[in-house]
Each structure stands twice: as structure tokens, then as C-alpha cells.
Amino acid sequence: MPIQSLDFRGQPALALALPSGERAVVALHGAHVLSWTPADGVERLYLSPDAVFDGKAALRGGVPICWPQFNQRGALPKHGFARNLPWQPATDATEGELALVLQDDEATRALWPHAFRLRLAVTLAPRSLRIALTVQNTDGIPWRFTAALHSYLAVADIAAVRLEGLQGANRWDAVRDERQVEMAEALRFDGEFDSVYAAPAAPLKLVQRAGILEIEHSASCTETVVWNPGAALAARLADMPDDGYRHMLCVEAARIDDNVLLAPGAEWLGWQQLTVI
């Protein structure tokens, strides 16, 4: 199926669609997944209407790629640099796949002195979206990284949703800087929420009145990050409306607590799959 080139808020993007109606849109800037609509036409990703599309800034919403650093856990800019750079269409994309690549250059080596190749593959299936990040070490020495697929999931009202599947998981609550075991059968949200969980083996379920979204990720992603800014923090975010927090929940596939040590020539694959059930 052909890949369509388009202009999205003034920036180049690619779209992949199935005959059955599923569609995904990915920006070349940051290989950022901007939109996913299953055949029912309902947008499942949140993209801030105030996101800055200038080809430089990180985009608020969709699925940013955090690499080779998560958040501010290191010397690089927040969440690394992969989400802030232009990617190129892959020459090795398979049928039914939208793929982009990023390789080191003078600009990346000024920030992080290593050779690499990243490949982001977006694959659609009926009611399902799969996003896969492959990291390849093209250097002559090993190096370390952390990563996350920072998915902003669309919700009608954050106060009326629940996230199931994290009961019993080890949790670091970043808001309170506390470590604990999650006791709740389902997470509910009534203020700022920012926690890193040891990823469970079974898929999570985001439940709201419109239905259930199943969230699954690879075993190589050893953490699940759950984030909602709440009203006070959202009001301080210039690229999100004051009420934007009500319409999104980040549930991220991540590898952050233990850095990946990647040998020369080796590859690491991390993926997240979203399925409407």
C-alpha cells in the first residue's frame, strides 16, 4: 500500500492507511507519530492544539521518541535529541510498514560522540497500531542509552478513565519521590500523576466509556511510565491548553532504570502495540 506525503501544520509528514480505514500519520521531524485512527475514525492519540510545529521544537502529544536519554537523567537535553531532528524515509521498509531512519552526523556527535542508526517502524492492522524502535550501534566501541516511546493517549475526560494492570508492580512516584508497591487494582487520576513502574508481563487496559484500549510492549522495555500533568502543571505548559490535561494520559514503553549497553554492530528493539478491544 502506498505511503502518502502530506503537509501537517506546515511540516512534512507521511501517512499510512489500510483499505479497511485505519490510518497513521508520522512527521519527519522526530519520526513523531502524530495521529492514529482505527476504522471507526476515532482519534486515539492526543496532540496538543498548541504544539509548536517549527521543525525544531519537540512536539507536545502523539508519540515522541525519547533517546538516547530519558527525561533529565544525564547530561543531554531533556529526553535526548532524537525527537528534535529530521528523519529520513527508510529505503528498507516492508509492505504495509511506514519506516523512518536517523543516523549520526556532525550535529549529533557534538552532543553525543557515538555512531548509531535508529529505525522507527509503524505498522497498522485492524484496530491496532504497533510502533517499533530499532537502535543499532554502528560505532567501534560499546555505548549506553535509555529510551521511551512517550505515547500520549487520547481520553474524553481524565477523571472518568482507569488504567488496569499495574497492581503489584514496583513504583517510583516522581511527584512525591517515594518508592512503593502499587496496591490499587486500577489507577485513577485526580491531579498531577508521574510514576515509573516495573513493567508487568500482561498488557495494560485503559478503560473509558467509549471502550477499552489494550497497551502492550516488548520485554526489552522494562518500565512503564504513566504521566498526566494535572491542572496546575498544564497551566504552566505553553504548548498545551490549560484544560489539555483532561484529554490525555501518557502510558509509555520505556527502558530507563538500567541503561542498555550495546556492543558494536549489535541491535536493540523496543516496541509498543495499541489495540482497540
Protein backbone atom coordinates (compact mmCIF):
# COMPACT_ATOMS: atom_id res chain seq x y z
CA MET A 1 0.00 0.00 0.00
CA PRO A 2 1.45 3.42 -0.97
CA ILE A 3 2.77 5.91 1.56
CA GLN A 4 1.25 9.37 1.14
CA SER A 5 3.32 12.53 1.61
CA LEU A 6 1.47 15.46 3.13
CA ASP A 7 1.80 18.79 4.88
CA PHE A 8 0.83 18.69 8.56
CA ARG A 9 0.63 22.11 10.20
CA GLY A 10 3.30 23.35 7.83
CA GLN A 11 5.69 20.43 8.34
CA PRO A 12 6.35 17.37 6.13
CA ALA A 13 4.70 14.13 7.19
CA LEU A 14 3.86 10.69 5.85
CA ALA A 15 0.59 8.79 6.10
CA LEU A 16 -0.09 5.07 6.01
CA ALA A 17 -3.63 3.75 5.52
CA LEU A 18 -5.30 0.36 5.22
CA PRO A 19 -8.17 -0.37 2.82
CA SER A 20 -10.31 -1.05 5.91
CA GLY A 21 -9.90 2.57 7.07
CA GLU A 22 -7.10 2.51 9.65
CA ARG A 23 -4.68 5.42 9.27
CA ALA A 24 -1.50 6.71 10.90
CA VAL A 25 0.40 9.95 10.29
CA VAL A 26 4.09 10.39 11.16
CA ALA A 27 6.11 13.62 10.99
CA LEU A 28 9.60 13.56 9.53
CA HIS A 29 10.57 15.84 12.42
CA GLY A 30 11.46 13.44 15.21
CA ALA A 31 9.78 10.46 13.49
CA HIS A 32 6.90 11.62 15.63
CA VAL A 33 3.65 9.64 15.32
CA LEU A 34 1.03 12.38 15.16
CA SER A 35 -2.22 10.51 14.62
CA TRP A 36 -3.76 7.07 14.72
CA THR A 37 -7.37 6.48 13.75
CA PRO A 38 -8.75 2.92 13.54
CA ALA A 39 -11.52 2.14 11.09
CA ASP A 40 -14.10 3.76 13.38
CA GLY A 41 -12.48 7.13 12.66
CA VAL A 42 -11.91 7.96 16.34
CA GLU A 43 -8.53 9.59 17.05
CA ARG A 44 -6.68 7.55 19.69
CA LEU A 45 -3.66 9.81 20.21
CA TYR A 46 -3.71 13.22 21.86
CA LEU A 47 -1.90 16.00 20.01
CA SER A 48 -1.95 19.41 21.65
CA PRO A 49 -3.58 22.10 19.50
CA ASP A 50 -0.85 24.41 20.84
CA ALA A 51 2.07 22.15 19.85
CA VAL A 52 4.86 24.11 18.14
CA PHE A 53 5.44 22.95 14.54
CA ASP A 54 8.59 24.85 13.64
CA GLY A 55 10.83 21.92 12.67
CA LYS A 56 12.97 22.48 15.77
CA ALA A 57 10.94 22.16 18.96
CA ALA A 58 9.76 18.87 20.41
CA LEU A 59 6.07 18.27 19.71
CA ARG A 60 3.57 18.07 22.55
CA GLY A 61 1.47 14.95 22.05
CA GLY A 62 1.40 11.97 19.72
CA VAL A 63 4.34 9.62 20.33
CA PRO A 64 7.68 11.38 20.87
CA ILE A 65 10.84 9.24 20.86
CA CYS A 66 12.99 9.73 23.95
CA TRP A 67 16.57 8.70 23.03
CA PRO A 68 19.41 8.30 23.98
CA GLN A 69 18.34 9.78 27.32
CA PHE A 70 15.09 9.73 29.25
CA ASN A 71 13.96 12.98 30.87
CA GLN A 72 16.89 14.77 32.53
CA ARG A 73 18.70 11.63 33.66
CA GLY A 74 22.00 12.58 32.08
CA ALA A 75 23.95 15.44 30.51
CA LEU A 76 21.92 15.73 27.29
CA PRO A 77 18.89 17.98 26.71
CA LYS A 78 15.65 16.63 28.19
CA HIS A 79 14.66 13.33 26.55
CA GLY A 80 17.74 13.37 24.33
CA PHE A 81 17.83 14.60 20.74
CA ALA A 82 16.05 12.04 18.51
CA ARG A 83 12.69 13.80 18.85
CA ASN A 84 14.16 17.15 17.75
CA LEU A 85 15.87 16.15 14.49
CA PRO A 86 14.69 15.48 10.92
CA TRP A 87 14.48 11.78 10.00
CA GLN A 88 14.53 10.26 6.52
CA PRO A 89 12.19 7.71 4.92
CA ALA A 90 13.71 4.24 5.18
CA THR A 91 14.80 2.50 2.00
CA ASP A 92 14.18 -0.92 3.56
CA ALA A 93 10.51 -0.50 4.51
CA THR A 94 8.41 -3.61 4.01
CA GLU A 95 4.87 -3.85 2.64
CA GLY A 96 2.36 -2.27 5.00
CA GLU A 97 5.04 -0.51 7.03
CA LEU A 98 5.94 3.16 7.37
CA ALA A 99 9.58 3.45 8.43
CA LEU A 100 11.97 6.34 9.09
CA VAL A 101 15.67 6.37 9.95
CA LEU A 102 18.08 8.66 11.77
CA GLN A 103 21.86 8.31 11.65
CA ASP A 104 24.60 10.15 13.46
CA ASP A 105 26.07 13.25 11.88
CA GLU A 106 28.19 16.20 12.91
CA ALA A 107 25.33 17.76 14.89
CA THR A 108 24.54 14.63 16.90
CA ARG A 109 28.21 13.86 17.56
CA ALA A 110 28.63 17.36 19.01
CA LEU A 111 26.06 16.36 21.64
CA TRP A 112 26.80 12.65 21.96
CA PRO A 113 30.05 11.32 20.43
CA HIS A 114 28.84 7.97 19.09
CA ALA A 115 27.87 6.42 15.74
CA PHE A 116 24.36 4.94 15.52
CA ARG A 117 21.39 4.16 13.31
CA LEU A 118 17.81 4.44 14.54
CA ARG A 119 14.84 2.99 12.69
CA LEU A 120 11.23 3.66 13.63
CA ALA A 121 8.64 1.37 12.06
CA VAL A 122 4.90 2.00 12.22
CA THR A 123 2.66 -0.92 11.34
CA LEU A 124 -1.12 -0.91 11.12
CA ALA A 125 -3.51 -3.82 11.50
CA PRO A 126 -7.26 -3.85 12.05
CA ARG A 127 -7.89 -1.95 15.37
CA SER A 128 -4.15 -1.97 16.12
CA LEU A 129 -1.05 0.23 15.90
CA ARG A 130 2.48 -1.06 16.50
CA ILE A 131 5.44 1.31 16.92
CA ALA A 132 8.90 -0.28 16.94
CA LEU A 133 12.23 1.43 17.58
CA THR A 134 15.42 -0.35 16.49
CA VAL A 135 18.72 1.00 17.82
CA GLN A 136 21.91 -0.10 16.07
CA ASN A 137 25.46 0.56 17.24
CA THR A 138 27.48 1.44 14.14
CA ASP A 139 30.44 2.57 16.23
CA GLY A 140 33.64 0.70 17.03
CA ILE A 141 33.05 0.82 20.79
CA PRO A 142 30.09 -0.07 23.05
CA TRP A 143 27.87 2.69 24.37
CA ARG A 144 24.88 3.06 26.69
CA PHE A 145 21.45 4.60 26.27
CA THR A 146 17.95 4.84 27.69
CA ALA A 147 14.75 5.17 25.67
CA ALA A 148 11.00 5.58 25.76
CA LEU A 149 8.05 5.70 23.38
CA HIS A 150 6.29 8.61 25.07
CA SER A 151 2.72 7.84 23.95
CA TYR A 152 0.02 10.45 24.63
CA LEU A 153 -3.26 8.55 24.57
CA ALA A 154 -6.49 10.43 23.92
CA VAL A 155 -9.18 10.30 26.60
CA ALA A 156 -12.55 12.02 26.72
CA ASP A 157 -12.17 13.01 30.39
CA ILE A 158 -9.21 12.02 32.57
CA ALA A 159 -11.46 11.98 35.64
CA ALA A 160 -13.57 9.21 34.11
CA VAL A 161 -10.85 6.76 33.00
CA ARG A 162 -8.97 3.99 34.74
CA LEU A 163 -5.77 2.15 33.90
CA GLU A 164 -5.74 -1.53 34.82
CA GLY A 165 -2.86 -3.97 35.09
CA LEU A 166 -0.26 -2.34 37.36
CA GLN A 167 -1.40 -3.72 40.70
CA GLY A 168 1.56 -5.32 42.49
CA ALA A 169 4.20 -3.53 40.38
CA ASN A 170 7.10 -1.68 41.98
CA ARG A 171 6.51 2.06 41.62
CA TRP A 172 8.56 5.21 41.89
CA ASP A 173 6.24 8.16 42.44
CA ALA A 174 8.14 11.12 40.97
CA VAL A 175 5.69 13.68 42.37
CA ARG A 176 6.33 12.59 45.98
CA ASP A 177 9.76 11.00 45.35
CA GLU A 178 8.56 7.80 47.02
CA ARG A 179 9.08 4.14 46.21
CA GLN A 180 6.29 1.68 46.92
CA VAL A 181 4.36 -1.28 45.55
CA GLU A 182 1.23 -0.29 43.66
CA MET A 183 -1.77 -1.53 45.66
CA ALA A 184 -4.62 -0.15 43.55
CA GLU A 185 -6.47 -2.57 41.29
CA ALA A 186 -6.85 0.30 38.82
CA LEU A 187 -5.24 3.71 38.62
CA ARG A 188 -7.48 6.77 38.63
CA PHE A 189 -6.41 10.35 38.10
CA ASP A 190 -7.42 13.46 40.04
CA GLY A 191 -4.25 15.57 39.93
CA GLU A 192 -0.65 15.52 38.74
CA PHE A 193 0.48 11.91 38.23
CA ASP A 194 4.04 10.96 37.32
CA SER A 195 5.23 7.44 38.12
CA VAL A 196 7.67 4.86 36.78
CA TYR A 197 6.52 1.24 37.19
CA ALA A 198 8.30 -2.04 36.71
CA ALA A 199 6.56 -3.20 33.56
CA PRO A 200 4.13 -6.08 34.08
CA ALA A 201 4.17 -9.10 31.77
CA ALA A 202 0.48 -8.80 30.85
CA PRO A 203 -0.94 -5.97 28.72
CA LEU A 204 -2.48 -2.94 30.41
CA LYS A 205 -6.03 -1.80 29.76
CA LEU A 206 -7.09 1.84 29.50
CA VAL A 207 -10.82 1.82 30.22
CA GLN A 208 -13.20 4.66 29.46
CA ARG A 209 -16.84 4.99 28.45
CA ALA A 210 -16.00 4.78 24.74
CA GLY A 211 -14.28 1.40 25.17
CA ILE A 212 -11.02 -0.28 26.09
CA LEU A 213 -7.54 0.26 24.70
CA GLU A 214 -5.08 -2.58 25.31
CA ILE A 215 -1.44 -1.49 25.75
CA GLU A 216 1.36 -4.00 25.28
CA HIS A 217 5.10 -3.63 24.90
CA SER A 218 8.24 -5.65 24.37
CA ALA A 219 10.09 -7.34 27.23
CA SER A 220 13.07 -5.12 26.36
CA CYS A 221 11.05 -2.17 27.70
CA THR A 222 11.39 -2.91 31.40
CA GLU A 223 9.44 0.09 32.69
CA THR A 224 6.04 1.67 32.14
CA VAL A 225 5.79 5.41 32.68
CA VAL A 226 2.36 6.87 33.50
CA TRP A 227 2.00 10.66 33.34
CA ASN A 228 -0.67 13.31 33.45
CA PRO A 229 0.33 16.90 34.30
CA GLY A 230 -2.84 17.81 36.16
CA ALA A 231 -4.37 21.28 36.11
CA ALA A 232 -1.59 23.29 37.79
CA LEU A 233 1.28 21.99 35.67
CA ALA A 234 -0.75 22.07 32.44
CA ALA A 235 -1.41 25.76 33.04
CA ARG A 236 2.36 26.35 33.01
CA LEU A 237 2.94 24.44 29.74
CA ALA A 238 2.99 26.96 26.90
CA ASP A 239 2.36 24.28 24.27
CA MET A 240 -0.73 22.78 25.91
CA PRO A 241 -4.14 24.37 26.59
CA ASP A 242 -4.97 24.83 30.26
CA ASP A 243 -7.55 22.04 30.01
CA GLY A 244 -5.38 19.79 27.82
CA TYR A 245 -4.58 17.51 30.77
CA ARG A 246 -8.22 16.42 30.80
CA HIS A 247 -7.92 14.82 27.36
CA MET A 248 -4.66 12.83 27.57
CA LEU A 249 -2.81 10.18 29.51
CA CYS A 250 0.76 9.15 28.77
CA VAL A 251 1.40 5.41 29.08
CA GLU A 252 4.95 4.87 27.89
CA ALA A 253 7.01 1.84 26.98
CA ALA A 254 10.42 2.60 28.46
CA ARG A 255 13.88 1.34 29.28
CA ILE A 256 15.26 3.80 31.81
CA ASP A 257 16.25 2.30 35.17
CA ASP A 258 19.03 0.12 33.73
CA ASN A 259 20.87 1.57 30.74
CA VAL A 260 21.19 -0.62 27.66
CA LEU A 261 24.84 -1.42 26.93
CA LEU A 262 25.03 -2.00 23.19
CA ALA A 263 28.08 -3.66 21.62
CA PRO A 264 29.47 -2.60 18.22
CA GLY A 265 27.25 -3.99 15.47
CA ALA A 266 24.53 -5.02 17.92
CA GLU A 267 20.86 -4.00 17.82
CA TRP A 268 18.18 -3.35 20.43
CA LEU A 269 14.46 -3.42 19.65
CA GLY A 270 11.71 -1.86 21.75
CA TRP A 271 8.08 -1.68 20.73
CA GLN A 272 4.60 -0.72 21.90
CA GLN A 273 1.33 -2.02 20.50
CA LEU A 274 -2.06 -0.36 21.00
CA THR A 275 -5.20 -2.34 20.27
CA VAL A 276 -8.85 -1.33 20.48
CA ILE A 277 -10.79 -4.19 22.05
